[in-house]
Amino acid sequence: MAQLLRADLLPEAWIAPPAVRDLRALVRHRVALVRLRTRMQNKIHAAAADHGYDRPASYWTGPGRAWLAALDLPPVPVQVITSCLAVIDHLDPLIGQADAALRGYARTDPRVAALTELPGIGPVTALIIIAETGDITRFGSARKLASWAGLTPTVRGSDVKVRHGHISKQGSPILRWALNQAAQHARKSPGFEPAWTAIAARRGPKIATTAISRKLLCRAWHLLTEHAAAPPGAAQAQLPSRSRN
């Protein structure tokens, strides 16, 4: 270890500054709350479906809840549905608080406006990209960022053959999840639809969506790199300080 250190052969570890860690904690907290709410919603769907009931519209609006209450269900699924609705009711204001705090970050960071020009990327996804990647200048290219994020395929080869496998899935799972969600919308846009259709025809829709996720992240790298390289007189993106939140 000492010899590697003296020879400058050990890679440097980037430590996020406090403001980035705060934003990262907030977006991860918001994602965790939304995922928990989704699990509760899925349990309600399953409890109704197990007894032959289905509704194309929402289950947790006023009409949806009235529909649920009118179902002829045994006591156990009624208890499950009631408990899940109570959890959803508790989570909604907490998610609202997290969203309000994130809107405060979005208003003070011009990088958000740049990233939301990309199809499928809204303010929350933009903040996830910003928080999870941190200092964009530590990535020398868009491909290096995609590799760090685990969105490039693994490569296995010999002296006569090279095989490309699944994506490595290293790096931030929340970043990959957010980009995948964005890709579901971006793939329908004119700039991405032809590529998605061509890849889906050859390798299937899942791999095609992952390819769109990678394209989105590469475009995000270019936007963030251009912003980081802006002259001192231009508007610089600064994360809000801790005292603002």
C-alpha atoms as a PDB file:
ATOM      1  CA  MET A   1       0.000   0.000   0.000  1.00  0.00           C
ATOM      2  CA  ALA A   2       2.763   2.452   0.949  1.00  0.00           C
ATOM      3  CA  GLN A   3       4.607   1.709  -2.288  1.00  0.00           C
ATOM      4  CA  LEU A   4       1.475   2.314  -4.358  1.00  0.00           C
ATOM      5  CA  LEU A   5       0.911   5.589  -2.519  1.00  0.00           C
ATOM      6  CA  ARG A   6       4.477   6.770  -3.113  1.00  0.00           C
ATOM      7  CA  ALA A   7       4.176   5.856  -6.803  1.00  0.00           C
ATOM      8  CA  ASP A   8       0.875   7.785  -7.075  1.00  0.00           C
ATOM      9  CA  LEU A   9      -0.904   4.625  -8.239  1.00  0.00           C
ATOM     10  CA  LEU A  10      -3.848   4.782  -5.835  1.00  0.00           C
ATOM     11  CA  PRO A  11      -7.000   6.396  -7.259  1.00  0.00           C
ATOM     12  CA  GLU A  12      -8.270   9.479  -5.469  1.00  0.00           C
ATOM     13  CA  ALA A  13     -11.620   9.243  -3.674  1.00  0.00           C
ATOM     14  CA  TRP A  14     -13.898  12.251  -4.149  1.00  0.00           C
ATOM     15  CA  ILE A  15     -15.560  13.372  -0.928  1.00  0.00           C
ATOM     16  CA  ALA A  16     -18.728  15.354  -1.499  1.00  0.00           C
ATOM     17  CA  PRO A  17     -18.868  18.729   0.279  1.00  0.00           C
ATOM     18  CA  PRO A  18     -21.568  19.310   2.927  1.00  0.00           C
ATOM     19  CA  ALA A  19     -24.009  21.078   0.565  1.00  0.00           C
ATOM     20  CA  VAL A  20     -23.897  18.197  -1.917  1.00  0.00           C
ATOM     21  CA  ARG A  21     -24.311  15.650   0.877  1.00  0.00           C
ATOM     22  CA  ASP A  22     -27.354  17.556   2.150  1.00  0.00           C
ATOM     23  CA  LEU A  23     -28.979  17.596  -1.290  1.00  0.00           C
ATOM     24  CA  ARG A  24     -28.105  13.941  -1.813  1.00  0.00           C
ATOM     25  CA  ALA A  25     -29.688  13.018   1.526  1.00  0.00           C
ATOM     26  CA  LEU A  26     -32.840  14.959   0.655  1.00  0.00           C
ATOM     27  CA  VAL A  27     -33.371  13.412  -2.780  1.00  0.00           C
ATOM     28  CA  ARG A  28     -32.685   9.926  -1.403  1.00  0.00           C
ATOM     29  CA  HIS A  29     -35.155  10.532   1.427  1.00  0.00           C
ATOM     30  CA  ARG A  30     -37.787  11.661  -1.051  1.00  0.00           C
ATOM     31  CA  VAL A  31     -37.206   8.624  -3.267  1.00  0.00           C
ATOM     32  CA  ALA A  32     -37.520   6.298  -0.259  1.00  0.00           C
ATOM     33  CA  LEU A  33     -40.840   7.871   0.751  1.00  0.00           C
ATOM     34  CA  VAL A  34     -42.236   7.622  -2.788  1.00  0.00           C
ATOM     35  CA  ARG A  35     -41.165   3.988  -3.079  1.00  0.00           C
ATOM     36  CA  LEU A  36     -42.859   3.170   0.225  1.00  0.00           C
ATOM     37  CA  ARG A  37     -46.056   4.844  -0.961  1.00  0.00           C
ATOM     38  CA  THR A  38     -45.891   2.858  -4.198  1.00  0.00           C
ATOM     39  CA  ARG A  39     -45.555  -0.389  -2.230  1.00  0.00           C
ATOM     40  CA  MET A  40     -48.674   0.488  -0.246  1.00  0.00           C
ATOM     41  CA  GLN A  41     -50.563   1.285  -3.449  1.00  0.00           C
ATOM     42  CA  ASN A  42     -49.499  -2.038  -4.963  1.00  0.00           C
ATOM     43  CA  LYS A  43     -50.685  -3.902  -1.860  1.00  0.00           C
ATOM     44  CA  ILE A  44     -54.105  -2.289  -2.208  1.00  0.00           C
ATOM     45  CA  HIS A  45     -54.272  -3.311  -5.873  1.00  0.00           C
ATOM     46  CA  ALA A  46     -53.285  -6.868  -4.943  1.00  0.00           C
ATOM     47  CA  ALA A  47     -55.812  -7.122  -2.107  1.00  0.00           C
ATOM     48  CA  ALA A  48     -58.641  -6.078  -4.436  1.00  0.00           C
ATOM     49  CA  ALA A  49     -57.415  -8.168  -7.375  1.00  0.00           C
ATOM     50  CA  ASP A  50     -57.180 -11.310  -5.226  1.00  0.00           C
ATOM     51  CA  HIS A  51     -60.952 -11.153  -4.898  1.00  0.00           C
ATOM     52  CA  GLY A  52     -61.692 -10.300  -8.523  1.00  0.00           C
ATOM     53  CA  TYR A  53     -61.999  -6.531  -8.251  1.00  0.00           C
ATOM     54  CA  ASP A  54     -60.260  -4.026 -10.506  1.00  0.00           C
ATOM     55  CA  ARG A  55     -60.656  -0.359 -11.284  1.00  0.00           C
ATOM     56  CA  PRO A  56     -58.910   1.441 -14.171  1.00  0.00           C
ATOM     57  CA  ALA A  57     -58.876   4.760 -12.310  1.00  0.00           C
ATOM     58  CA  SER A  58     -57.051   5.652  -9.101  1.00  0.00           C
ATOM     59  CA  TYR A  59     -57.844   3.805  -5.873  1.00  0.00           C
ATOM     60  CA  TRP A  60     -56.848   6.604  -3.462  1.00  0.00           C
ATOM     61  CA  THR A  61     -58.818   9.615  -4.673  1.00  0.00           C
ATOM     62  CA  GLY A  62     -62.262  10.353  -3.258  1.00  0.00           C
ATOM     63  CA  PRO A  63     -64.170   8.212  -5.801  1.00  0.00           C
ATOM     64  CA  GLY A  64     -61.533   5.494  -5.607  1.00  0.00           C
ATOM     65  CA  ARG A  65     -61.766   5.259  -1.854  1.00  0.00           C
ATOM     66  CA  ALA A  66     -65.547   5.157  -2.027  1.00  0.00           C
ATOM     67  CA  TRP A  67     -65.234   2.295  -4.517  1.00  0.00           C
ATOM     68  CA  LEU A  68     -62.865   0.436  -2.178  1.00  0.00           C
ATOM     69  CA  ALA A  69     -65.178   0.937   0.803  1.00  0.00           C
ATOM     70  CA  ALA A  70     -68.109  -0.522  -1.146  1.00  0.00           C
ATOM     71  CA  LEU A  71     -66.310  -3.756  -2.060  1.00  0.00           C
ATOM     72  CA  ASP A  72     -67.596  -6.990  -0.566  1.00  0.00           C
ATOM     73  CA  LEU A  73     -64.352  -8.216   0.973  1.00  0.00           C
ATOM     74  CA  PRO A  74     -63.465 -10.496   3.907  1.00  0.00           C
ATOM     75  CA  PRO A  75     -62.087  -8.852   7.069  1.00  0.00           C
ATOM     76  CA  VAL A  76     -58.387  -9.481   6.378  1.00  0.00           C
ATOM     77  CA  PRO A  77     -58.139  -7.670   2.989  1.00  0.00           C
ATOM     78  CA  VAL A  78     -60.265  -4.862   4.438  1.00  0.00           C
ATOM     79  CA  GLN A  79     -57.717  -4.488   7.246  1.00  0.00           C
ATOM     80  CA  VAL A  80     -54.831  -4.545   4.734  1.00  0.00           C
ATOM     81  CA  ILE A  81     -56.457  -1.894   2.556  1.00  0.00           C
ATOM     82  CA  THR A  82     -57.363   0.294   5.535  1.00  0.00           C
ATOM     83  CA  SER A  83     -53.817   0.102   6.920  1.00  0.00           C
ATOM     84  CA  CYS A  84     -52.237   0.855   3.548  1.00  0.00           C
ATOM     85  CA  LEU A  85     -54.488   3.875   3.025  1.00  0.00           C
ATOM     86  CA  ALA A  86     -53.513   5.148   6.480  1.00  0.00           C
ATOM     87  CA  VAL A  87     -49.823   4.843   5.583  1.00  0.00           C
ATOM     88  CA  ILE A  88     -50.426   6.667   2.281  1.00  0.00           C
ATOM     89  CA  ASP A  89     -52.240   9.457   4.124  1.00  0.00           C
ATOM     90  CA  HIS A  90     -49.274   9.796   6.466  1.00  0.00           C
ATOM     91  CA  LEU A  91     -46.712   9.726   3.656  1.00  0.00           C
ATOM     92  CA  ASP A  92     -48.368  12.289   1.378  1.00  0.00           C
ATOM     93  CA  PRO A  93     -47.602  15.358   3.537  1.00  0.00           C
ATOM     94  CA  LEU A  94     -44.048  14.110   4.173  1.00  0.00           C
ATOM     95  CA  ILE A  95     -43.474  13.778   0.434  1.00  0.00           C
ATOM     96  CA  GLY A  96     -44.977  17.236   0.023  1.00  0.00           C
ATOM     97  CA  GLN A  97     -42.474  18.647   2.522  1.00  0.00           C
ATOM     98  CA  ALA A  98     -39.584  17.013   0.674  1.00  0.00           C
ATOM     99  CA  ASP A  99     -40.895  18.343  -2.641  1.00  0.00           C
ATOM    100  CA  ALA A 100     -41.137  21.864  -1.212  1.00  0.00           C
ATOM    101  CA  ALA A 101     -37.532  21.689  -0.004  1.00  0.00           C
ATOM    102  CA  LEU A 102     -36.396  20.401  -3.405  1.00  0.00           C
ATOM    103  CA  ARG A 103     -38.211  23.236  -5.150  1.00  0.00           C
ATOM    104  CA  GLY A 104     -36.124  25.587  -3.021  1.00  0.00           C
ATOM    105  CA  TYR A 105     -32.958  23.939  -4.324  1.00  0.00           C
ATOM    106  CA  ALA A 106     -34.256  24.001  -7.898  1.00  0.00           C
ATOM    107  CA  ARG A 107     -34.982  27.741  -7.795  1.00  0.00           C
ATOM    108  CA  THR A 108     -31.400  28.563  -6.781  1.00  0.00           C
ATOM    109  CA  ASP A 109     -29.554  26.200  -9.117  1.00  0.00           C
ATOM    110  CA  PRO A 110     -29.538  27.167 -12.825  1.00  0.00           C
ATOM    111  CA  ARG A 111     -28.299  23.695 -13.744  1.00  0.00           C
ATOM    112  CA  VAL A 112     -31.828  22.439 -13.069  1.00  0.00           C
ATOM    113  CA  ALA A 113     -33.251  24.654 -15.811  1.00  0.00           C
ATOM    114  CA  ALA A 114     -30.610  23.364 -18.227  1.00  0.00           C
ATOM    115  CA  LEU A 115     -31.247  19.694 -17.437  1.00  0.00           C
ATOM    116  CA  THR A 116     -35.022  19.989 -17.638  1.00  0.00           C
ATOM    117  CA  GLU A 117     -34.644  20.942 -21.290  1.00  0.00           C
ATOM    118  CA  LEU A 118     -33.949  17.233 -21.850  1.00  0.00           C
ATOM    119  CA  PRO A 119     -37.066  15.154 -22.560  1.00  0.00           C
ATOM    120  CA  GLY A 120     -38.338  13.151 -19.617  1.00  0.00           C
ATOM    121  CA  ILE A 121     -36.316  15.071 -17.014  1.00  0.00           C
ATOM    122  CA  GLY A 122     -38.171  17.190 -14.489  1.00  0.00           C
ATOM    123  CA  PRO A 123     -36.803  19.203 -11.562  1.00  0.00           C
ATOM    124  CA  VAL A 124     -36.603  16.231  -9.168  1.00  0.00           C
ATOM    125  CA  THR A 125     -34.747  14.045 -11.685  1.00  0.00           C
ATOM    126  CA  ALA A 126     -32.437  16.957 -12.466  1.00  0.00           C
ATOM    127  CA  LEU A 127     -31.627  17.360  -8.775  1.00  0.00           C
ATOM    128  CA  ILE A 128     -30.977  13.627  -8.458  1.00  0.00           C
ATOM    129  CA  ILE A 129     -28.479  13.863 -11.325  1.00  0.00           C
ATOM    130  CA  ILE A 130     -26.800  16.885  -9.745  1.00  0.00           C
ATOM    131  CA  ALA A 131     -26.699  15.380  -6.257  1.00  0.00           C
ATOM    132  CA  GLU A 132     -25.524  11.918  -7.233  1.00  0.00           C
ATOM    133  CA  THR A 133     -22.840  13.010  -9.712  1.00  0.00           C
ATOM    134  CA  GLY A 134     -21.517  15.867  -7.589  1.00  0.00           C
ATOM    135  CA  ASP A 135     -18.575  17.670  -9.205  1.00  0.00           C
ATOM    136  CA  ILE A 136     -19.067  16.960 -12.900  1.00  0.00           C
ATOM    137  CA  THR A 137     -15.476  17.948 -13.711  1.00  0.00           C
ATOM    138  CA  ARG A 138     -14.203  14.756 -12.090  1.00  0.00           C
ATOM    139  CA  PHE A 139     -15.562  12.855 -15.097  1.00  0.00           C
ATOM    140  CA  GLY A 140     -13.334  13.383 -18.110  1.00  0.00           C
ATOM    141  CA  SER A 141     -15.985  12.328 -20.610  1.00  0.00           C
ATOM    142  CA  ALA A 142     -19.642  11.421 -20.897  1.00  0.00           C
ATOM    143  CA  ARG A 143     -18.656   7.787 -21.309  1.00  0.00           C
ATOM    144  CA  LYS A 144     -16.722   7.853 -18.034  1.00  0.00           C
ATOM    145  CA  LEU A 145     -19.777   9.225 -16.262  1.00  0.00           C
ATOM    146  CA  ALA A 146     -21.998   6.532 -17.812  1.00  0.00           C
ATOM    147  CA  SER A 147     -19.482   3.880 -16.757  1.00  0.00           C
ATOM    148  CA  TRP A 148     -19.343   5.263 -13.217  1.00  0.00           C
ATOM    149  CA  ALA A 149     -23.156   5.206 -13.092  1.00  0.00           C
ATOM    150  CA  GLY A 150     -23.216   1.536 -14.108  1.00  0.00           C
ATOM    151  CA  LEU A 151     -24.983   2.173 -17.416  1.00  0.00           C
ATOM    152  CA  THR A 152     -22.318   0.720 -19.724  1.00  0.00           C
ATOM    153  CA  PRO A 153     -22.211  -2.987 -20.569  1.00  0.00           C
ATOM    154  CA  THR A 154     -19.610  -5.221 -19.038  1.00  0.00           C
ATOM    155  CA  VAL A 155     -17.022  -6.622 -21.456  1.00  0.00           C
ATOM    156  CA  ARG A 156     -15.589 -10.120 -21.354  1.00  0.00           C
ATOM    157  CA  GLY A 157     -13.080 -11.174 -23.920  1.00  0.00           C
ATOM    158  CA  SER A 158     -10.367 -13.514 -24.965  1.00  0.00           C
ATOM    159  CA  ASP A 159      -7.705 -13.290 -27.661  1.00  0.00           C
ATOM    160  CA  VAL A 160     -10.288 -14.141 -30.344  1.00  0.00           C
ATOM    161  CA  LYS A 161     -13.663 -12.923 -29.071  1.00  0.00           C
ATOM    162  CA  VAL A 162     -15.164  -9.983 -27.175  1.00  0.00           C
ATOM    163  CA  ARG A 163     -18.529 -10.308 -25.499  1.00  0.00           C
ATOM    164  CA  HIS A 164     -20.662  -7.486 -24.140  1.00  0.00           C
ATOM    165  CA  GLY A 165     -22.791  -8.438 -21.158  1.00  0.00           C
ATOM    166  CA  HIS A 166     -25.337  -6.700 -18.967  1.00  0.00           C
ATOM    167  CA  ILE A 167     -24.729  -3.241 -17.570  1.00  0.00           C
ATOM    168  CA  SER A 168     -22.350  -3.225 -14.610  1.00  0.00           C
ATOM    169  CA  LYS A 169     -24.865  -1.630 -12.174  1.00  0.00           C
ATOM    170  CA  GLN A 170     -22.033  -0.052 -10.232  1.00  0.00           C
ATOM    171  CA  GLY A 171     -22.373   3.463  -8.867  1.00  0.00           C
ATOM    172  CA  SER A 172     -25.600   5.041  -7.654  1.00  0.00           C
ATOM    173  CA  PRO A 173     -28.727   2.855  -7.936  1.00  0.00           C
ATOM    174  CA  ILE A 174     -30.949   5.904  -7.345  1.00  0.00           C
ATOM    175  CA  LEU A 175     -29.357   7.684 -10.306  1.00  0.00           C
ATOM    176  CA  ARG A 176     -29.996   4.665 -12.550  1.00  0.00           C
ATOM    177  CA  TRP A 177     -33.575   4.407 -11.288  1.00  0.00           C
ATOM    178  CA  ALA A 178     -34.249   8.107 -11.937  1.00  0.00           C
ATOM    179  CA  LEU A 179     -32.765   7.918 -15.433  1.00  0.00           C
ATOM    180  CA  ASN A 180     -34.796   4.798 -16.187  1.00  0.00           C
ATOM    181  CA  GLN A 181     -37.975   6.615 -15.159  1.00  0.00           C
ATOM    182  CA  ALA A 182     -36.989   9.568 -17.344  1.00  0.00           C
ATOM    183  CA  ALA A 183     -36.198   7.255 -20.253  1.00  0.00           C
ATOM    184  CA  GLN A 184     -39.730   5.815 -20.148  1.00  0.00           C
ATOM    185  CA  HIS A 185     -40.957   9.270 -21.184  1.00  0.00           C
ATOM    186  CA  ALA A 186     -37.990  10.363 -23.305  1.00  0.00           C
ATOM    187  CA  ARG A 187     -38.252   7.315 -25.565  1.00  0.00           C
ATOM    188  CA  LYS A 188     -41.507   8.712 -26.945  1.00  0.00           C
ATOM    189  CA  SER A 189     -39.917  12.029 -27.944  1.00  0.00           C
ATOM    190  CA  PRO A 190     -38.799  12.658 -31.551  1.00  0.00           C
ATOM    191  CA  GLY A 191     -35.133  12.808 -30.554  1.00  0.00           C
ATOM    192  CA  PHE A 192     -35.104   9.364 -28.933  1.00  0.00           C
ATOM    193  CA  GLU A 193     -37.995   7.382 -30.431  1.00  0.00           C
ATOM    194  CA  PRO A 194     -36.130   6.161 -33.559  1.00  0.00           C
ATOM    195  CA  ALA A 195     -33.164   4.932 -31.505  1.00  0.00           C
ATOM    196  CA  TRP A 196     -35.411   3.225 -28.955  1.00  0.00           C
ATOM    197  CA  THR A 197     -37.446   1.511 -31.666  1.00  0.00           C
ATOM    198  CA  ALA A 198     -34.351   0.250 -33.490  1.00  0.00           C
ATOM    199  CA  ILE A 199     -32.687  -1.111 -30.355  1.00  0.00           C
ATOM    200  CA  ALA A 200     -35.932  -2.624 -29.054  1.00  0.00           C
ATOM    201  CA  ALA A 201     -36.392  -4.497 -32.325  1.00  0.00           C
ATOM    202  CA  ARG A 202     -32.918  -6.026 -32.022  1.00  0.00           C
ATOM    203  CA  ARG A 203     -32.489  -6.552 -28.293  1.00  0.00           C
ATOM    204  CA  GLY A 204     -35.807  -5.918 -26.564  1.00  0.00           C
ATOM    205  CA  PRO A 205     -37.503  -2.951 -24.856  1.00  0.00           C
ATOM    206  CA  LYS A 206     -35.634  -3.243 -21.542  1.00  0.00           C
ATOM    207  CA  ILE A 207     -32.207  -2.895 -23.138  1.00  0.00           C
ATOM    208  CA  ALA A 208     -33.542  -0.132 -25.383  1.00  0.00           C
ATOM    209  CA  THR A 209     -34.756   1.827 -22.363  1.00  0.00           C
ATOM    210  CA  THR A 210     -31.374   1.391 -20.675  1.00  0.00           C
ATOM    211  CA  ALA A 211     -29.736   2.752 -23.825  1.00  0.00           C
ATOM    212  CA  ILE A 212     -31.962   5.839 -23.649  1.00  0.00           C
ATOM    213  CA  SER A 213     -31.028   6.242 -19.971  1.00  0.00           C
ATOM    214  CA  ARG A 214     -27.372   6.246 -20.985  1.00  0.00           C
ATOM    215  CA  LYS A 215     -28.006   8.776 -23.758  1.00  0.00           C
ATOM    216  CA  LEU A 216     -29.810  11.061 -21.326  1.00  0.00           C
ATOM    217  CA  LEU A 217     -26.940  10.905 -18.847  1.00  0.00           C
ATOM    218  CA  CYS A 218     -24.403  11.609 -21.595  1.00  0.00           C
ATOM    219  CA  ARG A 219     -26.360  14.665 -22.689  1.00  0.00           C
ATOM    220  CA  ALA A 220     -26.594  15.744 -19.065  1.00  0.00           C
ATOM    221  CA  TRP A 221     -22.789  15.496 -18.821  1.00  0.00           C
ATOM    222  CA  HIS A 222     -22.402  17.870 -21.776  1.00  0.00           C
ATOM    223  CA  LEU A 223     -24.849  20.386 -20.278  1.00  0.00           C
ATOM    224  CA  LEU A 224     -23.266  20.278 -16.824  1.00  0.00           C
ATOM    225  CA  THR A 225     -19.739  20.438 -18.246  1.00  0.00           C
ATOM    226  CA  GLU A 226     -20.630  23.491 -20.321  1.00  0.00           C
ATOM    227  CA  HIS A 227     -22.077  25.113 -17.228  1.00  0.00           C
ATOM    228  CA  ALA A 228     -18.976  24.315 -15.156  1.00  0.00           C
ATOM    229  CA  ALA A 229     -16.783  25.828 -17.883  1.00  0.00           C
ATOM    230  CA  ALA A 230     -18.776  29.085 -18.025  1.00  0.00           C
ATOM    231  CA  PRO A 231     -16.634  32.225 -17.544  1.00  0.00           C
ATOM    232  CA  PRO A 232     -16.539  33.771 -14.052  1.00  0.00           C
ATOM    233  CA  GLY A 233     -18.855  36.575 -15.129  1.00  0.00           C
ATOM    234  CA  ALA A 234     -21.614  34.168 -16.159  1.00  0.00           C
ATOM    235  CA  ALA A 235     -24.260  32.874 -13.780  1.00  0.00           C
ATOM    236  CA  GLN A 236     -22.705  30.041 -11.828  1.00  0.00           C
ATOM    237  CA  ALA A 237     -24.656  27.152 -10.365  1.00  0.00           C
ATOM    238  CA  GLN A 238     -24.336  27.055  -6.626  1.00  0.00           C
ATOM    239  CA  LEU A 239     -26.066  24.669  -4.301  1.00  0.00           C
ATOM    240  CA  PRO A 240     -27.952  26.368  -1.479  1.00  0.00           C
ATOM    241  CA  SER A 241     -26.018  26.549   1.735  1.00  0.00           C
ATOM    242  CA  ARG A 242     -27.168  24.600   4.765  1.00  0.00           C
ATOM    243  CA  SER A 243     -28.478  27.761   6.361  1.00  0.00           C
ATOM    244  CA  ARG A 244     -31.103  28.133   3.607  1.00  0.00           C
ATOM    245  CA  ASN A 245     -32.791  24.848   4.378  1.00  0.00           C
END
